[in-house]
Amino acid sequence: MRARPPVKAIVFVAAALPLVVLTGRLLSGTLGANPADTLIDRTGEWSLRLLLITLAITPLRRLTGWRWPGRVRRMLGLFTFFYGVLHFAAYAVLEQSLRPVAMAGDVIERPFIAVGFAALLGLLPLALTSTRGAMMRLGTWWARLHRSVYLWAVLSVLHFYLLVKADIREPAIYALILGGLLGFRLLPWRWQRGLRA
């Protein structure tokens, strides 16, 4: 089953929709009492959600035999990084007014910011090498590099957990999903085929 252009268009629109909604709410003044916090929180949440959806592509393909999800994985991965950049930019501009010294102090005082920043930096080379040309140039190193996405996913969930502190239900759900995805990847191939059957 191939991913025809409408499928890619649907995925693109679905991934861009959260930003459209946030922009509309910002322009209409309905982002709540603290629009800056809302923008920071929502862009971070969508980056994490899209990251987990991207990681679910391989299990989905192996369990169903469908090929088309693999054709939208790069798009979802780039949207993951895009929302991560928006998340950091909203923090840097709206909360810290682009003051490097203040941001450096924040990293020291609030470890969850350092963890989140490390995750974003880790995703940067993956975004830069997401093209077919980069895959050909890097060869086997490409797969090794992109397997690091699981580490950055763990750091992203940890970033969210350290942020909320008290009510950990939502980060716990993300952690369980990530644990399931990691567990599936660690299963022997014949067990994965058995699950598909």
N, C-alpha and C. Protein backbone atom coordinates (compact mmCIF):
# COMPACT_ATOMS: atom_id res chain seq x y z
N MET A 1 0.84 -1.20 0.00
CA MET A 1 0.00 0.00 0.00
C MET A 1 0.88 1.25 0.00
N ARG A 2 0.86 2.00 -1.06
CA ARG A 2 1.74 3.15 -1.19
C ARG A 2 1.13 4.39 -0.56
N ALA A 3 2.04 5.30 -0.17
CA ALA A 3 1.58 6.58 0.36
C ALA A 3 1.40 7.53 -0.81
N ARG A 4 0.20 7.68 -1.26
CA ARG A 4 -0.08 8.62 -2.35
C ARG A 4 -0.05 10.03 -1.81
N PRO A 5 0.10 11.03 -2.70
CA PRO A 5 0.17 12.43 -2.27
C PRO A 5 -0.90 12.85 -1.27
N PRO A 6 -2.19 12.41 -1.42
CA PRO A 6 -3.19 12.82 -0.43
C PRO A 6 -2.86 12.37 0.99
N VAL A 7 -2.24 11.19 1.12
CA VAL A 7 -1.87 10.69 2.45
C VAL A 7 -0.82 11.60 3.07
N LYS A 8 0.18 11.95 2.29
CA LYS A 8 1.22 12.85 2.80
C LYS A 8 0.64 14.22 3.12
N ALA A 9 -0.29 14.67 2.29
CA ALA A 9 -0.92 15.97 2.54
C ALA A 9 -1.73 15.94 3.82
N ILE A 10 -2.44 14.83 4.06
CA ILE A 10 -3.23 14.70 5.28
C ILE A 10 -2.33 14.72 6.51
N VAL A 11 -1.22 13.98 6.44
CA VAL A 11 -0.28 13.94 7.57
C VAL A 11 0.32 15.32 7.80
N PHE A 12 0.66 16.01 6.72
CA PHE A 12 1.22 17.36 6.85
C PHE A 12 0.23 18.30 7.53
N VAL A 13 -1.01 18.28 7.07
CA VAL A 13 -2.03 19.16 7.65
C VAL A 13 -2.27 18.81 9.12
N ALA A 14 -2.33 17.51 9.42
CA ALA A 14 -2.57 17.09 10.80
C ALA A 14 -1.43 17.53 11.72
N ALA A 15 -0.19 17.43 11.23
CA ALA A 15 0.95 17.83 12.04
C ALA A 15 1.05 19.34 12.21
N ALA A 16 0.60 20.08 11.20
CA ALA A 16 0.66 21.55 11.26
C ALA A 16 -0.53 22.14 12.01
N LEU A 17 -1.60 21.37 12.16
CA LEU A 17 -2.83 21.89 12.76
C LEU A 17 -2.64 22.46 14.16
N PRO A 18 -1.87 21.80 15.05
CA PRO A 18 -1.68 22.40 16.38
C PRO A 18 -1.11 23.81 16.34
N LEU A 19 -0.17 24.06 15.42
CA LEU A 19 0.40 25.39 15.29
C LEU A 19 -0.64 26.38 14.79
N VAL A 20 -1.47 25.95 13.84
CA VAL A 20 -2.52 26.82 13.33
C VAL A 20 -3.49 27.19 14.44
N VAL A 21 -3.86 26.20 15.26
CA VAL A 21 -4.78 26.45 16.37
C VAL A 21 -4.15 27.40 17.39
N LEU A 22 -2.89 27.16 17.73
CA LEU A 22 -2.20 28.04 18.69
C LEU A 22 -2.11 29.46 18.16
N THR A 23 -1.79 29.60 16.88
CA THR A 23 -1.69 30.93 16.28
C THR A 23 -3.04 31.64 16.30
N GLY A 24 -4.09 30.90 15.97
CA GLY A 24 -5.43 31.48 16.00
C GLY A 24 -5.84 31.91 17.39
N ARG A 25 -5.53 31.09 18.38
CA ARG A 25 -5.86 31.45 19.77
C ARG A 25 -5.04 32.64 20.23
N LEU A 26 -3.78 32.72 19.78
CA LEU A 26 -2.94 33.85 20.16
C LEU A 26 -3.49 35.15 19.58
N LEU A 27 -3.87 35.10 18.31
CA LEU A 27 -4.38 36.30 17.65
C LEU A 27 -5.74 36.73 18.19
N SER A 28 -6.51 35.75 18.67
CA SER A 28 -7.83 36.07 19.21
C SER A 28 -7.82 36.35 20.70
N GLY A 29 -6.64 36.22 21.30
CA GLY A 29 -6.51 36.50 22.73
C GLY A 29 -7.16 35.47 23.63
N THR A 30 -7.19 34.21 23.19
CA THR A 30 -7.85 33.17 23.98
C THR A 30 -6.87 32.10 24.46
N LEU A 31 -5.61 32.48 24.65
CA LEU A 31 -4.61 31.53 25.13
C LEU A 31 -4.56 31.44 26.65
N GLY A 32 -5.46 32.12 27.32
CA GLY A 32 -5.50 32.05 28.77
C GLY A 32 -4.82 33.22 29.44
N ALA A 33 -4.70 33.11 30.77
CA ALA A 33 -4.15 34.21 31.56
C ALA A 33 -2.67 34.43 31.28
N ASN A 34 -1.96 33.37 30.89
CA ASN A 34 -0.52 33.48 30.63
C ASN A 34 -0.22 32.88 29.26
N PRO A 35 -0.39 33.67 28.18
CA PRO A 35 -0.18 33.14 26.83
C PRO A 35 1.22 32.59 26.61
N ALA A 36 2.23 33.20 27.21
CA ALA A 36 3.61 32.74 27.02
C ALA A 36 3.77 31.31 27.53
N ASP A 37 3.27 31.05 28.75
CA ASP A 37 3.37 29.69 29.30
C ASP A 37 2.60 28.69 28.45
N THR A 38 1.45 29.11 27.95
CA THR A 38 0.65 28.21 27.12
C THR A 38 1.39 27.85 25.84
N LEU A 39 2.00 28.84 25.20
CA LEU A 39 2.76 28.58 23.98
C LEU A 39 3.94 27.64 24.25
N ILE A 40 4.65 27.91 25.34
CA ILE A 40 5.79 27.07 25.69
C ILE A 40 5.35 25.65 25.96
N ASP A 41 4.29 25.49 26.74
CA ASP A 41 3.82 24.15 27.11
C ASP A 41 3.29 23.38 25.91
N ARG A 42 2.44 24.02 25.11
CA ARG A 42 1.80 23.30 24.01
C ARG A 42 2.79 22.90 22.92
N THR A 43 3.73 23.78 22.59
CA THR A 43 4.72 23.40 21.56
C THR A 43 5.60 22.25 22.06
N GLY A 44 5.94 22.27 23.34
CA GLY A 44 6.72 21.16 23.89
C GLY A 44 5.94 19.86 23.88
N GLU A 45 4.67 19.92 24.26
CA GLU A 45 3.85 18.72 24.27
C GLU A 45 3.71 18.13 22.88
N TRP A 46 3.51 18.98 21.88
CA TRP A 46 3.34 18.47 20.52
C TRP A 46 4.65 17.93 19.95
N SER A 47 5.76 18.50 20.35
CA SER A 47 7.04 17.94 19.92
C SER A 47 7.19 16.52 20.46
N LEU A 48 6.85 16.32 21.73
CA LEU A 48 6.96 14.99 22.34
C LEU A 48 5.97 14.02 21.72
N ARG A 49 4.75 14.46 21.50
CA ARG A 49 3.75 13.58 20.89
C ARG A 49 4.16 13.12 19.50
N LEU A 50 4.63 14.06 18.71
CA LEU A 50 5.04 13.71 17.35
C LEU A 50 6.29 12.82 17.35
N LEU A 51 7.15 13.02 18.35
CA LEU A 51 8.32 12.15 18.46
C LEU A 51 7.89 10.71 18.71
N LEU A 52 6.94 10.51 19.61
CA LEU A 52 6.47 9.16 19.90
C LEU A 52 5.73 8.56 18.71
N ILE A 53 4.96 9.39 17.99
CA ILE A 53 4.28 8.90 16.79
C ILE A 53 5.31 8.47 15.75
N THR A 54 6.38 9.26 15.61
CA THR A 54 7.44 8.91 14.67
C THR A 54 8.08 7.58 15.04
N LEU A 55 8.33 7.37 16.34
CA LEU A 55 8.93 6.12 16.79
C LEU A 55 7.99 4.94 16.63
N ALA A 56 6.69 5.21 16.55
CA ALA A 56 5.72 4.13 16.40
C ALA A 56 5.61 3.64 14.96
N ILE A 57 6.25 4.34 14.02
CA ILE A 57 6.13 3.98 12.61
C ILE A 57 6.68 2.58 12.34
N THR A 58 7.87 2.29 12.85
CA THR A 58 8.47 0.98 12.59
C THR A 58 7.64 -0.16 13.17
N PRO A 59 7.23 -0.10 14.45
CA PRO A 59 6.35 -1.17 14.95
C PRO A 59 5.07 -1.30 14.14
N LEU A 60 4.49 -0.18 13.72
CA LEU A 60 3.27 -0.23 12.92
C LEU A 60 3.50 -0.95 11.60
N ARG A 61 4.61 -0.65 10.96
CA ARG A 61 4.93 -1.31 9.69
C ARG A 61 5.13 -2.80 9.88
N ARG A 62 5.84 -3.16 10.95
CA ARG A 62 6.14 -4.58 11.15
C ARG A 62 4.92 -5.37 11.59
N LEU A 63 4.02 -4.74 12.31
CA LEU A 63 2.83 -5.44 12.79
C LEU A 63 1.76 -5.56 11.70
N THR A 64 1.72 -4.59 10.78
CA THR A 64 0.65 -4.58 9.78
C THR A 64 1.12 -4.98 8.39
N GLY A 65 2.41 -4.83 8.13
CA GLY A 65 2.91 -5.08 6.78
C GLY A 65 2.72 -3.90 5.85
N TRP A 66 2.15 -2.81 6.36
CA TRP A 66 1.96 -1.62 5.52
C TRP A 66 3.31 -0.95 5.26
N ARG A 67 3.45 -0.42 4.05
CA ARG A 67 4.69 0.28 3.69
C ARG A 67 4.55 1.80 3.80
N TRP A 68 3.33 2.30 3.59
CA TRP A 68 3.16 3.75 3.48
C TRP A 68 3.53 4.53 4.75
N PRO A 69 3.37 3.96 5.97
CA PRO A 69 3.77 4.78 7.13
C PRO A 69 5.24 5.19 7.10
N GLY A 70 6.08 4.32 6.53
CA GLY A 70 7.50 4.65 6.44
C GLY A 70 7.78 5.85 5.55
N ARG A 71 6.86 6.12 4.64
CA ARG A 71 7.06 7.23 3.71
C ARG A 71 6.72 8.59 4.32
N VAL A 72 6.05 8.58 5.47
CA VAL A 72 5.74 9.86 6.14
C VAL A 72 6.57 10.03 7.41
N ARG A 73 7.45 9.07 7.69
CA ARG A 73 8.25 9.14 8.92
C ARG A 73 9.17 10.36 8.94
N ARG A 74 9.83 10.63 7.82
CA ARG A 74 10.74 11.77 7.78
C ARG A 74 9.99 13.08 8.03
N MET A 75 8.80 13.21 7.43
CA MET A 75 8.00 14.41 7.65
C MET A 75 7.63 14.57 9.12
N LEU A 76 7.23 13.47 9.75
CA LEU A 76 6.86 13.54 11.16
C LEU A 76 8.07 13.86 12.03
N GLY A 77 9.22 13.30 11.68
CA GLY A 77 10.44 13.60 12.43
C GLY A 77 10.83 15.07 12.32
N LEU A 78 10.68 15.63 11.14
CA LEU A 78 11.01 17.06 10.95
C LEU A 78 10.01 17.94 11.69
N PHE A 79 8.74 17.55 11.71
CA PHE A 79 7.76 18.30 12.49
C PHE A 79 8.09 18.21 13.98
N THR A 80 8.57 17.05 14.43
CA THR A 80 8.99 16.90 15.83
C THR A 80 10.06 17.93 16.18
N PHE A 81 11.08 18.02 15.32
CA PHE A 81 12.15 18.98 15.56
C PHE A 81 11.64 20.41 15.45
N PHE A 82 10.76 20.67 14.49
CA PHE A 82 10.19 22.01 14.30
C PHE A 82 9.46 22.48 15.56
N TYR A 83 8.62 21.63 16.13
CA TYR A 83 7.92 22.02 17.35
C TYR A 83 8.89 22.14 18.53
N GLY A 84 9.94 21.33 18.53
CA GLY A 84 10.95 21.47 19.57
C GLY A 84 11.66 22.81 19.50
N VAL A 85 11.98 23.24 18.28
CA VAL A 85 12.61 24.56 18.09
C VAL A 85 11.65 25.66 18.52
N LEU A 86 10.37 25.53 18.16
CA LEU A 86 9.37 26.52 18.59
C LEU A 86 9.27 26.56 20.10
N HIS A 87 9.33 25.40 20.73
CA HIS A 87 9.26 25.30 22.19
C HIS A 87 10.41 26.06 22.83
N PHE A 88 11.62 25.82 22.32
CA PHE A 88 12.78 26.51 22.87
C PHE A 88 12.74 28.00 22.55
N ALA A 89 12.33 28.35 21.33
CA ALA A 89 12.27 29.76 20.93
C ALA A 89 11.26 30.52 21.79
N ALA A 90 10.11 29.89 22.06
CA ALA A 90 9.11 30.55 22.90
C ALA A 90 9.66 30.79 24.30
N TYR A 91 10.39 29.81 24.83
CA TYR A 91 11.02 29.97 26.15
C TYR A 91 12.06 31.08 26.12
N ALA A 92 12.94 31.04 25.09
CA ALA A 92 14.04 32.00 25.03
C ALA A 92 13.54 33.42 24.83
N VAL A 93 12.51 33.60 24.00
CA VAL A 93 12.03 34.94 23.68
C VAL A 93 11.04 35.44 24.72
N LEU A 94 10.03 34.63 25.03
CA LEU A 94 8.93 35.10 25.86
C LEU A 94 9.24 35.06 27.35
N GLU A 95 10.05 34.08 27.77
CA GLU A 95 10.34 33.97 29.19
C GLU A 95 11.67 34.60 29.57
N GLN A 96 12.65 34.53 28.66
CA GLN A 96 13.99 35.01 29.00
C GLN A 96 14.42 36.23 28.19
N SER A 97 13.58 36.69 27.26
CA SER A 97 13.87 37.88 26.45
C SER A 97 15.24 37.81 25.77
N LEU A 98 15.60 36.59 25.34
CA LEU A 98 16.87 36.35 24.64
C LEU A 98 18.08 36.84 25.42
N ARG A 99 18.08 36.62 26.73
CA ARG A 99 19.22 37.00 27.57
C ARG A 99 20.07 35.76 27.86
N PRO A 100 21.20 35.61 27.19
CA PRO A 100 22.02 34.41 27.35
C PRO A 100 22.44 34.14 28.78
N VAL A 101 22.81 35.18 29.51
CA VAL A 101 23.24 34.99 30.90
C VAL A 101 22.11 34.45 31.76
N ALA A 102 20.92 35.01 31.56
CA ALA A 102 19.75 34.54 32.31
C ALA A 102 19.41 33.10 31.96
N MET A 103 19.52 32.75 30.67
CA MET A 103 19.23 31.38 30.26
C MET A 103 20.26 30.41 30.82
N ALA A 104 21.54 30.82 30.84
CA ALA A 104 22.58 29.96 31.41
C ALA A 104 22.33 29.72 32.89
N GLY A 105 21.93 30.77 33.59
CA GLY A 105 21.61 30.62 35.01
C GLY A 105 20.41 29.72 35.22
N ASP A 106 19.44 29.80 34.31
CA ASP A 106 18.25 28.97 34.39
C ASP A 106 18.60 27.50 34.21
N VAL A 107 19.54 27.22 33.32
CA VAL A 107 19.97 25.85 33.09
C VAL A 107 20.58 25.26 34.37
N ILE A 108 21.35 26.06 35.09
CA ILE A 108 22.00 25.60 36.31
C ILE A 108 20.98 25.40 37.43
N GLU A 109 20.04 26.34 37.55
CA GLU A 109 19.08 26.30 38.64
C GLU A 109 17.94 25.31 38.39
N ARG A 110 17.58 25.11 37.13
CA ARG A 110 16.45 24.23 36.81
C ARG A 110 16.93 23.14 35.84
N PRO A 111 17.31 21.98 36.38
CA PRO A 111 17.89 20.92 35.55
C PRO A 111 17.00 20.46 34.40
N PHE A 112 15.67 20.57 34.54
CA PHE A 112 14.80 20.10 33.47
C PHE A 112 15.04 20.89 32.17
N ILE A 113 15.50 22.14 32.29
CA ILE A 113 15.79 22.92 31.09
C ILE A 113 17.04 22.37 30.40
N ALA A 114 18.04 22.01 31.20
CA ALA A 114 19.26 21.42 30.63
C ALA A 114 18.95 20.10 29.93
N VAL A 115 18.09 19.29 30.51
CA VAL A 115 17.71 18.00 29.92
C VAL A 115 16.97 18.23 28.60
N GLY A 116 16.03 19.16 28.61
CA GLY A 116 15.28 19.46 27.39
C GLY A 116 16.16 20.01 26.29
N PHE A 117 17.09 20.89 26.67
CA PHE A 117 18.00 21.48 25.68
C PHE A 117 18.91 20.41 25.08
N ALA A 118 19.36 19.47 25.92
CA ALA A 118 20.19 18.36 25.43
C ALA A 118 19.42 17.51 24.43
N ALA A 119 18.14 17.27 24.72
CA ALA A 119 17.31 16.48 23.80
C ALA A 119 17.16 17.20 22.46
N LEU A 120 16.94 18.51 22.50
CA LEU A 120 16.79 19.27 21.26
C LEU A 120 18.09 19.27 20.46
N LEU A 121 19.22 19.45 21.14
CA LEU A 121 20.51 19.41 20.44
C LEU A 121 20.76 18.02 19.83
N GLY A 122 20.30 16.98 20.53
CA GLY A 122 20.46 15.63 20.00
C GLY A 122 19.64 15.39 18.76
N LEU A 123 18.48 16.03 18.68
CA LEU A 123 17.63 15.86 17.50
C LEU A 123 18.15 16.65 16.30
N LEU A 124 18.99 17.66 16.55
CA LEU A 124 19.48 18.51 15.46
C LEU A 124 20.20 17.72 14.37
N PRO A 125 21.21 16.88 14.70
CA PRO A 125 21.88 16.14 13.61
C PRO A 125 20.94 15.16 12.90
N LEU A 126 19.91 14.68 13.60
CA LEU A 126 18.96 13.77 12.95
C LEU A 126 18.15 14.54 11.90
N ALA A 127 17.76 15.76 12.25
CA ALA A 127 17.02 16.58 11.29
C ALA A 127 17.90 16.96 10.10
N LEU A 128 19.16 17.28 10.37
CA LEU A 128 20.07 17.69 9.30
C LEU A 128 20.43 16.55 8.36
N THR A 129 20.34 15.31 8.84
CA THR A 129 20.71 14.16 8.01
C THR A 129 19.48 13.33 7.62
N SER A 130 18.33 13.98 7.55
CA SER A 130 17.10 13.24 7.25
C SER A 130 16.87 13.03 5.76
N THR A 131 17.73 13.58 4.92
CA THR A 131 17.54 13.47 3.47
C THR A 131 18.09 12.15 2.95
N ARG A 132 17.61 11.75 1.78
CA ARG A 132 18.10 10.53 1.15
C ARG A 132 19.59 10.67 0.81
N GLY A 133 20.00 11.88 0.42
CA GLY A 133 21.41 12.08 0.11
C GLY A 133 22.30 11.86 1.31
N ALA A 134 21.88 12.35 2.48
CA ALA A 134 22.65 12.13 3.70
C ALA A 134 22.70 10.65 4.05
N MET A 135 21.60 9.94 3.81
CA MET A 135 21.58 8.51 4.09
C MET A 135 22.61 7.78 3.24
N MET A 136 22.70 8.16 1.96
CA MET A 136 23.66 7.52 1.07
C MET A 136 25.10 7.86 1.46
N ARG A 137 25.34 9.11 1.82
CA ARG A 137 26.71 9.53 2.16
C ARG A 137 27.19 8.88 3.45
N LEU A 138 26.32 8.76 4.44
CA LEU A 138 26.72 8.24 5.74
C LEU A 138 26.75 6.71 5.80
N GLY A 139 26.01 6.07 4.90
CA GLY A 139 26.01 4.61 4.87
C GLY A 139 25.51 4.01 6.17
N THR A 140 26.27 3.04 6.71
CA THR A 140 25.84 2.36 7.94
C THR A 140 25.84 3.31 9.14
N TRP A 141 26.62 4.39 9.07
CA TRP A 141 26.64 5.34 10.17
C TRP A 141 25.32 6.08 10.31
N TRP A 142 24.57 6.16 9.21
CA TRP A 142 23.28 6.85 9.25
C TRP A 142 22.33 6.14 10.21
N ALA A 143 22.24 4.83 10.09
CA ALA A 143 21.36 4.05 10.97
C ALA A 143 21.80 4.16 12.42
N ARG A 144 23.11 4.11 12.64
CA ARG A 144 23.62 4.22 14.01
C ARG A 144 23.28 5.59 14.60
N LEU A 145 23.45 6.63 13.80
CA LEU A 145 23.15 7.97 14.26
C LEU A 145 21.67 8.11 14.60
N HIS A 146 20.81 7.60 13.74
CA HIS A 146 19.37 7.79 13.92
C HIS A 146 18.78 6.88 15.00
N ARG A 147 19.51 5.83 15.37
CA ARG A 147 19.05 5.02 16.51
C ARG A 147 19.17 5.79 17.82
N SER A 148 19.98 6.86 17.82
CA SER A 148 20.10 7.67 19.04
C SER A 148 18.82 8.40 19.37
N VAL A 149 17.84 8.38 18.46
CA VAL A 149 16.57 9.07 18.70
C VAL A 149 15.91 8.55 19.97
N TYR A 150 16.15 7.27 20.32
CA TYR A 150 15.54 6.72 21.53
C TYR A 150 16.11 7.40 22.78
N LEU A 151 17.40 7.71 22.75
CA LEU A 151 17.99 8.44 23.88
C LEU A 151 17.37 9.81 24.02
N TRP A 152 17.21 10.52 22.90
CA TRP A 152 16.63 11.87 22.96
C TRP A 152 15.16 11.80 23.36
N ALA A 153 14.48 10.71 23.01
CA ALA A 153 13.10 10.53 23.44
C ALA A 153 13.03 10.33 24.95
N VAL A 154 13.96 9.56 25.49
CA VAL A 154 14.01 9.35 26.94
C VAL A 154 14.26 10.69 27.65
N LEU A 155 15.19 11.47 27.12
CA LEU A 155 15.47 12.78 27.72
C LEU A 155 14.26 13.70 27.61
N SER A 156 13.52 13.61 26.52
CA SER A 156 12.34 14.45 26.35
C SER A 156 11.27 14.13 27.38
N VAL A 157 11.05 12.84 27.61
CA VAL A 157 10.08 12.42 28.63
C VAL A 157 10.57 12.84 30.01
N LEU A 158 11.87 12.69 30.27
CA LEU A 158 12.44 13.10 31.55
C LEU A 158 12.30 14.60 31.75
N HIS A 159 12.52 15.36 30.70
CA HIS A 159 12.33 16.81 30.74
C HIS A 159 10.91 17.17 31.18
N PHE A 160 9.93 16.49 30.62
CA PHE A 160 8.53 16.73 30.96
C PHE A 160 8.26 16.32 32.42
N TYR A 161 8.80 15.18 32.82
CA TYR A 161 8.60 14.70 34.19
C TYR A 161 9.18 15.68 35.21
N LEU A 162 10.40 16.14 34.97
CA LEU A 162 11.03 17.08 35.90
C LEU A 162 10.31 18.42 35.93
N LEU A 163 9.66 18.75 34.82
CA LEU A 163 8.94 20.02 34.74
C LEU A 163 7.69 20.01 35.62
N VAL A 164 6.89 18.93 35.52
CA VAL A 164 5.60 18.94 36.20
C VAL A 164 5.73 18.70 37.70
N LYS A 165 6.74 17.92 38.13
CA LYS A 165 7.06 17.68 39.54
C LYS A 165 5.95 16.97 40.31
N ALA A 166 4.78 17.58 40.41
CA ALA A 166 3.73 17.03 41.29
C ALA A 166 2.85 16.01 40.56
N ASP A 167 2.04 16.46 39.63
CA ASP A 167 1.12 15.58 38.92
C ASP A 167 1.84 14.94 37.74
N ILE A 168 2.29 13.71 37.95
CA ILE A 168 3.14 13.06 36.95
C ILE A 168 2.34 12.12 36.04
N ARG A 169 1.01 12.19 36.08
CA ARG A 169 0.21 11.24 35.30
C ARG A 169 0.50 11.34 33.80
N GLU A 170 0.53 12.57 33.26
CA GLU A 170 0.74 12.71 31.83
C GLU A 170 2.13 12.27 31.39
N PRO A 171 3.22 12.72 32.05
CA PRO A 171 4.53 12.20 31.65
C PRO A 171 4.65 10.69 31.86
N ALA A 172 3.92 10.15 32.85
CA ALA A 172 3.95 8.70 33.06
C ALA A 172 3.34 7.97 31.87
N ILE A 173 2.28 8.53 31.30
CA ILE A 173 1.67 7.92 30.11
C ILE A 173 2.66 7.92 28.95
N TYR A 174 3.34 9.06 28.75
CA TYR A 174 4.34 9.13 27.69
C TYR A 174 5.48 8.14 27.94
N ALA A 175 5.87 8.01 29.20
CA ALA A 175 6.95 7.08 29.54
C ALA A 175 6.54 5.64 29.25
N LEU A 176 5.29 5.29 29.54
CA LEU A 176 4.80 3.93 29.25
C LEU A 176 4.77 3.66 27.75
N ILE A 177 4.32 4.66 26.98
CA ILE A 177 4.29 4.50 25.53
C ILE A 177 5.71 4.30 24.99
N LEU A 178 6.63 5.15 25.46
CA LEU A 178 8.02 5.03 25.01
C LEU A 178 8.61 3.69 25.44
N GLY A 179 8.29 3.25 26.66
CA GLY A 179 8.78 1.95 27.11
C GLY A 179 8.27 0.82 26.23
N GLY A 180 7.00 0.91 25.82
CA GLY A 180 6.45 -0.11 24.94
C GLY A 180 7.14 -0.12 23.58
N LEU A 181 7.42 1.07 23.05
CA LEU A 181 8.09 1.17 21.76
C LEU A 181 9.52 0.64 21.83
N LEU A 182 10.21 0.97 22.92
CA LEU A 182 11.56 0.45 23.12
C LEU A 182 11.53 -1.06 23.28
N GLY A 183 10.56 -1.55 24.05
CA GLY A 183 10.45 -2.98 24.26
C GLY A 183 10.22 -3.73 22.97
N PHE A 184 9.38 -3.17 22.10
CA PHE A 184 9.13 -3.81 20.81
C PHE A 184 10.40 -3.89 19.98
N ARG A 185 11.17 -2.81 19.96
CA ARG A 185 12.40 -2.80 19.17
C ARG A 185 13.42 -3.82 19.70
N LEU A 186 13.35 -4.11 20.99
CA LEU A 186 14.31 -5.05 21.58
C LEU A 186 13.90 -6.51 21.40
N LEU A 187 12.63 -6.72 20.99
CA LEU A 187 12.19 -8.10 20.77
C LEU A 187 12.94 -8.72 19.59
N PRO A 188 13.26 -10.01 19.67
CA PRO A 188 13.85 -10.68 18.50
C PRO A 188 12.92 -10.58 17.31
N TRP A 189 13.48 -10.57 16.11
CA TRP A 189 12.69 -10.38 14.89
C TRP A 189 11.60 -11.44 14.76
N ARG A 190 11.92 -12.70 15.13
CA ARG A 190 10.92 -13.76 14.97
C ARG A 190 9.73 -13.54 15.91
N TRP A 191 9.96 -12.91 17.07
CA TRP A 191 8.85 -12.60 17.97
C TRP A 191 8.00 -11.49 17.39
N GLN A 192 8.65 -10.50 16.75
CA GLN A 192 7.90 -9.43 16.10
C GLN A 192 7.03 -9.99 14.99
N ARG A 193 7.55 -10.95 14.24
CA ARG A 193 6.75 -11.58 13.18
C ARG A 193 5.60 -12.36 13.78
N GLY A 194 5.84 -12.96 14.94
CA GLY A 194 4.78 -13.70 15.61
C GLY A 194 3.66 -12.80 16.06
N LEU A 195 4.00 -11.60 16.55
CA LEU A 195 2.98 -10.63 16.95
C LEU A 195 2.16 -10.20 15.74
N ARG A 196 2.83 -10.02 14.61
CA ARG A 196 2.11 -9.64 13.39
C ARG A 196 1.13 -10.74 12.98
N ALA A 197 1.57 -11.99 13.10
CA ALA A 197 0.69 -13.10 12.73
C ALA A 197 -0.52 -13.17 13.66
